[in-house]
């Protein structure tokens, strides 16, 4: 693909770009993973579930991007990213263990309000199985 950026959805209903992404080479997509994660900030967006199905194919390339999300102030995004962690292979999810544990033990008030700590506890159980 000449311009991998052409695979980044332009709006929350942009299924044509999601289709391009499905057909794109995984290695080519590495540079846009952070952009793709943005589309699961709100799972009510029409393309969010499609992105949730596509993102796991990037596996360990996701780890630094997920860690970056965990450093943001966006509790809702963290919540949805935790759902993504639950579908990653255990060896990859385990690389995020310390971050997930922090969300369980040291959840701030907003994270608690959005139940990020509860979701993180579920993910921690998955990682520790």
Protein backbone atom coordinates (compact mmCIF):
# COMPACT_ATOMS: atom_id res chain seq x y z
CA UNK A 1 0.00 0.00 0.00
CA UNK A 2 1.47 3.32 -1.02
CA UNK A 3 0.08 5.47 1.78
CA UNK A 4 -0.77 3.52 4.90
CA UNK A 5 -2.31 6.69 6.33
CA UNK A 6 -5.09 6.12 3.78
CA UNK A 7 -6.24 3.28 6.06
CA UNK A 8 -6.95 5.54 9.03
CA UNK A 9 -10.70 6.15 9.34
CA UNK A 10 -11.72 9.76 8.84
CA UNK A 11 -14.88 9.65 10.93
CA UNK A 12 -16.80 7.30 13.22
CA UNK A 13 -18.79 5.82 10.32
CA UNK A 14 -15.91 5.42 7.88
CA UNK A 15 -16.20 1.73 7.09
CA UNK A 16 -14.46 2.13 3.71
CA UNK A 17 -11.18 2.86 5.48
CA UNK A 18 -11.80 -0.03 7.87
CA UNK A 19 -12.09 -2.28 4.81
CA UNK A 20 -8.77 -0.92 3.49
CA UNK A 21 -7.22 -1.60 6.88
CA UNK A 22 -8.43 -5.20 6.86
CA UNK A 23 -6.55 -5.76 3.62
CA UNK A 24 -3.41 -3.82 4.56
CA UNK A 25 -0.14 -5.49 5.42
CA UNK A 26 0.24 -5.76 9.21
CA UNK A 27 3.84 -4.53 9.12
CA UNK A 28 2.83 -1.47 7.10
CA UNK A 29 0.22 -0.61 9.71
CA UNK A 30 2.68 -0.42 12.61
CA UNK A 31 3.16 3.32 12.16
CA UNK A 32 -0.57 4.05 12.52
CA UNK A 33 -1.46 1.81 15.50
CA UNK A 34 -1.77 4.81 17.82
CA UNK A 35 -4.22 6.43 15.40
CA UNK A 36 -6.22 3.22 15.19
CA UNK A 37 -6.50 2.89 18.96
CA UNK A 38 -8.23 6.28 19.03
CA UNK A 39 -11.23 4.69 17.33
CA UNK A 40 -12.06 2.64 20.42
CA UNK A 41 -12.29 5.67 22.69
CA UNK A 42 -16.05 5.28 22.53
CA UNK A 43 -17.51 1.88 21.74
CA UNK A 44 -20.78 3.57 20.72
CA UNK A 45 -19.10 4.78 17.55
CA UNK A 46 -20.19 2.67 14.58
CA UNK A 47 -16.67 1.58 13.59
CA UNK A 48 -15.45 0.92 17.14
CA UNK A 49 -16.36 -2.78 17.20
CA UNK A 50 -14.75 -3.31 13.81
CA UNK A 51 -11.57 -1.70 15.11
CA UNK A 52 -11.73 -3.89 18.21
CA UNK A 53 -11.74 -6.90 15.87
CA UNK A 54 -8.81 -5.61 13.80
CA UNK A 55 -6.47 -4.32 16.51
CA UNK A 56 -5.53 -7.69 18.08
CA UNK A 57 -3.69 -8.66 14.91
CA UNK A 58 -0.97 -6.16 15.86
CA UNK A 59 -0.30 -8.07 19.11
CA UNK A 60 2.97 -6.99 20.77
CA UNK A 61 3.18 -3.85 18.60
CA UNK A 62 0.16 -2.65 20.58
CA UNK A 63 1.92 -2.75 23.96
CA UNK A 64 3.62 0.70 23.91
CA UNK A 65 0.47 2.29 22.52
CA UNK A 66 -1.71 0.70 25.19
CA UNK A 67 0.75 1.84 27.86
CA UNK A 68 0.42 5.37 26.45
CA UNK A 69 -3.38 5.21 26.74
CA UNK A 70 -3.02 4.10 30.37
CA UNK A 71 -1.03 7.31 30.99
CA UNK A 72 -3.83 9.57 29.71
CA UNK A 73 -6.61 11.16 31.75
CA UNK A 74 -9.27 9.46 29.61
CA UNK A 75 -10.85 6.88 31.92
CA UNK A 76 -13.42 5.76 29.36
CA UNK A 77 -10.70 5.04 26.79
CA UNK A 78 -8.76 3.06 29.39
CA UNK A 79 -11.90 1.02 30.07
CA UNK A 80 -12.28 0.04 26.41
CA UNK A 81 -8.58 -0.60 25.93
CA UNK A 82 -8.76 -3.05 28.84
CA UNK A 83 -11.32 -5.01 26.77
CA UNK A 84 -8.72 -5.16 24.03
CA UNK A 85 -6.08 -6.46 26.45
CA UNK A 86 -8.43 -9.32 27.38
CA UNK A 87 -8.36 -10.66 23.82
CA UNK A 88 -4.59 -10.51 23.39
CA UNK A 89 -2.51 -13.66 23.84
CA UNK A 90 -1.47 -14.10 27.47
CA UNK A 91 2.23 -13.55 26.79
CA UNK A 92 1.43 -10.13 25.33
CA UNK A 93 -1.19 -9.19 27.92
CA UNK A 94 1.34 -10.08 30.60
CA UNK A 95 3.61 -7.28 29.33
CA UNK A 96 0.87 -4.91 30.52
CA UNK A 97 0.46 -6.52 33.93
CA UNK A 98 2.05 -3.72 35.98
CA UNK A 99 -0.08 -1.08 34.26
CA UNK A 100 -3.26 -3.08 34.77
CA UNK A 101 -2.40 -3.73 38.39
CA UNK A 102 -1.91 0.02 38.92
CA UNK A 103 -5.42 0.60 37.60
CA UNK A 104 -6.77 -1.90 40.13
CA UNK A 105 -4.88 -0.65 43.18
CA UNK A 106 -4.42 3.07 42.52
CA UNK A 107 -7.47 4.00 40.44
CA UNK A 108 -8.16 7.71 40.65
CA UNK A 109 -11.71 8.98 41.32
CA UNK A 110 -12.59 9.25 37.62
CA UNK A 111 -11.28 5.74 36.92
CA UNK A 112 -13.37 4.47 39.83
CA UNK A 113 -16.45 6.32 38.58
CA UNK A 114 -16.01 4.73 35.14
CA UNK A 115 -15.31 1.33 36.78
CA UNK A 116 -11.89 1.08 35.19
CA UNK A 117 -10.62 -0.56 38.37
CA UNK A 118 -13.28 -3.28 38.12
CA UNK A 119 -12.50 -3.94 34.46
CA UNK A 120 -8.77 -3.93 35.28
CA UNK A 121 -9.39 -6.51 37.99
CA UNK A 122 -11.06 -8.77 35.41
CA UNK A 123 -8.10 -8.31 33.06
CA UNK A 124 -5.66 -9.05 35.87
CA UNK A 125 -7.49 -12.32 36.52
CA UNK A 126 -7.11 -13.17 32.83
CA UNK A 127 -3.39 -12.33 32.89
CA UNK A 128 -2.80 -14.33 36.08
CA UNK A 129 -4.59 -17.47 34.98
